[in-house]
């Protein structure tokens, strides 16, 4: 009996390691914003694969947004990168394509489109904790307050979320950030 328990424990551990390695990113597209920090940063131009769900918000339909992108990167032998970018309403999810991929060979599919994202300036609000609508709303309120208390920048796009950690990290350790594309006012 003890050998069965040991074998089962080893099998489960191996399965978790193998599965999490499959979902681990091999390239970080830009530096994360530390939790509880607000900063202005410039993001590089990137290529992304994008899946648009139905008219639900991200928080209502996030499960249905991930799998088409994941199947696309598996089928096309593309490594996962971080972070994962999302638009909130309606829900959209994007995976960035790493620098090792010949983006000219990528083709849009029924579920996934290819997007070139230009360099952009963003206001970033770092978050630690669960990937929840409550944490999003709190960060969005902080970003709006920051923007209203200065005169150098103004919002030039809707809020988006950047998710840095995979599904196997405990919620209280997860990092994310809210981004709002901004431009200088002067």
Protein backbone atom coordinates (compact mmCIF):
# COMPACT_ATOMS: atom_id res chain seq x y z
CA UNK A 1 0.00 0.00 0.00
CA UNK A 2 2.80 2.38 0.89
CA UNK A 3 4.45 1.82 -2.52
CA UNK A 4 1.14 2.75 -4.22
CA UNK A 5 0.89 6.00 -2.25
CA UNK A 6 4.53 6.85 -3.04
CA UNK A 7 4.02 6.05 -6.74
CA UNK A 8 0.82 8.12 -6.82
CA UNK A 9 2.55 11.07 -5.11
CA UNK A 10 5.46 10.94 -7.54
CA UNK A 11 3.08 10.67 -10.50
CA UNK A 12 1.03 13.65 -9.36
CA UNK A 13 4.18 15.71 -8.75
CA UNK A 14 5.51 14.83 -12.20
CA UNK A 15 2.17 15.70 -13.83
CA UNK A 16 2.06 19.08 -12.09
CA UNK A 17 5.64 19.89 -13.05
CA UNK A 18 5.14 18.81 -16.66
CA UNK A 19 1.88 20.71 -17.00
CA UNK A 20 3.20 23.87 -15.35
CA UNK A 21 6.32 23.80 -17.57
CA UNK A 22 4.03 23.68 -20.59
CA UNK A 23 2.30 26.82 -19.34
CA UNK A 24 5.44 28.65 -18.21
CA UNK A 25 6.62 31.56 -20.25
CA UNK A 26 10.07 31.59 -21.76
CA UNK A 27 10.24 35.31 -22.56
CA UNK A 28 9.13 38.40 -20.66
CA UNK A 29 8.11 41.14 -23.09
CA UNK A 30 8.70 44.04 -20.65
CA UNK A 31 9.41 44.53 -16.95
CA UNK A 32 6.54 44.14 -14.50
CA UNK A 33 5.38 47.02 -12.33
CA UNK A 34 5.87 46.24 -8.65
CA UNK A 35 2.70 45.70 -6.60
CA UNK A 36 1.27 48.86 -5.04
CA UNK A 37 3.31 51.02 -7.41
CA UNK A 38 2.16 53.48 -10.05
CA UNK A 39 4.56 54.28 -12.88
CA UNK A 40 4.72 55.62 -16.41
CA UNK A 41 6.52 53.29 -18.77
CA UNK A 42 7.11 52.81 -22.47
CA UNK A 43 6.22 49.43 -23.92
CA UNK A 44 8.02 48.20 -27.03
CA UNK A 45 6.30 47.47 -30.32
CA UNK A 46 5.13 43.84 -30.34
CA UNK A 47 3.18 41.29 -32.31
CA UNK A 48 0.30 39.58 -30.52
CA UNK A 49 -2.20 36.87 -31.22
CA UNK A 50 -5.68 37.96 -30.17
CA UNK A 51 -8.95 36.21 -29.38
CA UNK A 52 -12.20 38.14 -28.99
CA UNK A 53 -14.96 36.42 -27.09
CA UNK A 54 -18.63 37.17 -27.29
CA UNK A 55 -19.95 40.41 -25.84
CA UNK A 56 -19.23 39.37 -22.23
CA UNK A 57 -16.76 41.30 -20.12
CA UNK A 58 -13.37 39.70 -19.46
CA UNK A 59 -14.41 38.70 -15.96
CA UNK A 60 -17.53 36.91 -17.22
CA UNK A 61 -15.85 35.05 -20.08
CA UNK A 62 -12.15 34.68 -19.29
CA UNK A 63 -12.19 30.89 -19.40
CA UNK A 64 -13.41 30.91 -22.98
CA UNK A 65 -10.76 33.46 -24.03
CA UNK A 66 -7.67 31.49 -23.01
CA UNK A 67 -8.10 28.12 -24.73
CA UNK A 68 -8.27 29.29 -28.39
CA UNK A 69 -4.99 31.17 -27.87
CA UNK A 70 -3.38 28.24 -26.08
CA UNK A 71 -4.41 25.83 -28.87
CA UNK A 72 -2.99 28.29 -31.45
CA UNK A 73 0.44 28.49 -29.80
CA UNK A 74 0.55 24.71 -29.41
CA UNK A 75 -0.42 24.11 -33.05
CA UNK A 76 2.13 26.68 -34.30
CA UNK A 77 4.91 25.71 -31.87
CA UNK A 78 5.06 29.17 -30.29
CA UNK A 79 6.43 29.55 -26.77
CA UNK A 80 4.29 31.22 -24.12
CA UNK A 81 5.38 34.74 -23.12
CA UNK A 82 4.44 37.03 -20.26
CA UNK A 83 2.40 38.94 -19.54
CA UNK A 84 -0.97 38.02 -21.02
CA UNK A 85 -2.85 41.18 -22.03
CA UNK A 86 -6.61 41.55 -21.72
CA UNK A 87 -9.18 44.12 -22.69
CA UNK A 88 -12.04 44.27 -20.22
CA UNK A 89 -15.32 45.17 -21.91
CA UNK A 90 -15.90 43.34 -24.14
CA UNK A 91 -13.44 40.67 -23.12
CA UNK A 92 -10.39 40.16 -25.33
CA UNK A 93 -7.20 38.23 -24.57
CA UNK A 94 -3.82 38.55 -26.28
CA UNK A 95 -0.60 36.55 -26.09
CA UNK A 96 2.53 38.37 -27.21
CA UNK A 97 4.68 36.59 -29.77
CA UNK A 98 8.30 36.18 -28.67
CA UNK A 99 11.34 37.48 -30.51
CA UNK A 100 12.28 33.95 -31.65
CA UNK A 101 9.16 33.64 -33.87
CA UNK A 102 9.08 34.55 -37.55
CA UNK A 103 5.88 36.60 -37.38
CA UNK A 104 5.63 36.63 -41.17
CA UNK A 105 4.63 32.96 -41.09
CA UNK A 106 1.73 33.47 -38.69
CA UNK A 107 -1.75 33.23 -40.16
CA UNK A 108 -5.01 34.34 -38.59
CA UNK A 109 -7.48 31.54 -37.92
CA UNK A 110 -11.19 31.39 -37.26
CA UNK A 111 -10.61 32.15 -33.56
CA UNK A 112 -7.29 34.03 -33.50
CA UNK A 113 -6.07 37.14 -35.32
CA UNK A 114 -2.55 38.54 -35.61
CA UNK A 115 -2.00 42.11 -34.41
CA UNK A 116 0.93 44.48 -34.64
CA UNK A 117 0.98 46.67 -31.54
CA UNK A 118 2.99 49.90 -31.85
CA UNK A 119 5.24 51.23 -29.11
CA UNK A 120 3.07 52.85 -26.45
CA UNK A 121 3.33 54.91 -23.31
CA UNK A 122 1.24 53.58 -20.42
CA UNK A 123 0.31 54.40 -16.88
CA UNK A 124 0.82 51.14 -14.99
CA UNK A 125 -0.63 50.24 -11.59
CA UNK A 126 0.95 47.15 -9.99
CA UNK A 127 -1.31 44.65 -8.23
CA UNK A 128 -0.71 41.61 -6.02
CA UNK A 129 -3.46 39.09 -5.44
CA UNK A 130 -6.33 37.34 -7.11
CA UNK A 131 -7.13 38.11 -10.76
CA UNK A 132 -10.50 39.58 -9.85
CA UNK A 133 -12.85 42.33 -10.90
CA UNK A 134 -12.45 43.88 -7.44
CA UNK A 135 -8.66 44.20 -7.86
CA UNK A 136 -9.17 45.58 -11.36
CA UNK A 137 -11.66 48.20 -10.11
CA UNK A 138 -9.37 49.23 -7.26
CA UNK A 139 -6.39 49.68 -9.61
CA UNK A 140 -8.56 51.55 -12.12
CA UNK A 141 -9.72 53.94 -9.38
CA UNK A 142 -6.08 54.51 -8.37
CA UNK A 143 -5.12 55.21 -11.99
CA UNK A 144 -7.98 57.68 -12.49
CA UNK A 145 -7.04 59.47 -9.25
CA UNK A 146 -3.38 59.66 -10.31
CA UNK A 147 -4.32 61.05 -13.73
CA UNK A 148 -6.63 63.67 -12.20
CA UNK A 149 -3.89 64.89 -9.82
CA UNK A 150 -1.30 65.76 -12.48
CA UNK A 151 -1.24 67.78 -15.68
CA UNK A 152 1.53 66.10 -17.72
CA UNK A 153 -0.42 63.10 -19.08
CA UNK A 154 -3.92 62.26 -20.22
CA UNK A 155 -5.55 58.92 -20.97
CA UNK A 156 -5.70 58.02 -24.65
CA UNK A 157 -7.13 54.53 -24.44
CA UNK A 158 -9.25 52.21 -22.30
CA UNK A 159 -7.84 50.28 -19.34
CA UNK A 160 -6.29 46.87 -19.93
CA UNK A 161 -4.96 44.22 -17.59
CA UNK A 162 -1.59 42.46 -17.77
CA UNK A 163 -1.41 39.07 -16.03
CA UNK A 164 2.03 37.78 -15.11
CA UNK A 165 1.40 34.40 -13.46
CA UNK A 166 -0.08 31.10 -14.57
CA UNK A 167 -2.91 29.14 -13.03
CA UNK A 168 -0.74 27.15 -10.62
CA UNK A 169 0.51 30.10 -8.58
CA UNK A 170 -1.51 30.72 -5.41
CA UNK A 171 -3.84 33.71 -5.82
CA UNK A 172 -2.28 35.70 -2.98
CA UNK A 173 1.11 35.58 -4.76
CA UNK A 174 -0.10 36.48 -8.25
CA UNK A 175 1.04 39.72 -9.88
CA UNK A 176 -0.84 41.75 -12.43
CA UNK A 177 -1.05 45.34 -13.50
CA UNK A 178 -3.56 47.71 -14.96
CA UNK A 179 -2.43 49.74 -17.98
CA UNK A 180 -3.96 52.83 -19.47
CA UNK A 181 -2.40 54.15 -22.68
CA UNK A 182 -1.47 57.79 -22.11
CA UNK A 183 0.01 60.72 -24.00
CA UNK A 184 1.76 63.88 -22.88
CA UNK A 185 -0.48 66.94 -22.69
CA UNK A 186 2.32 69.46 -23.22
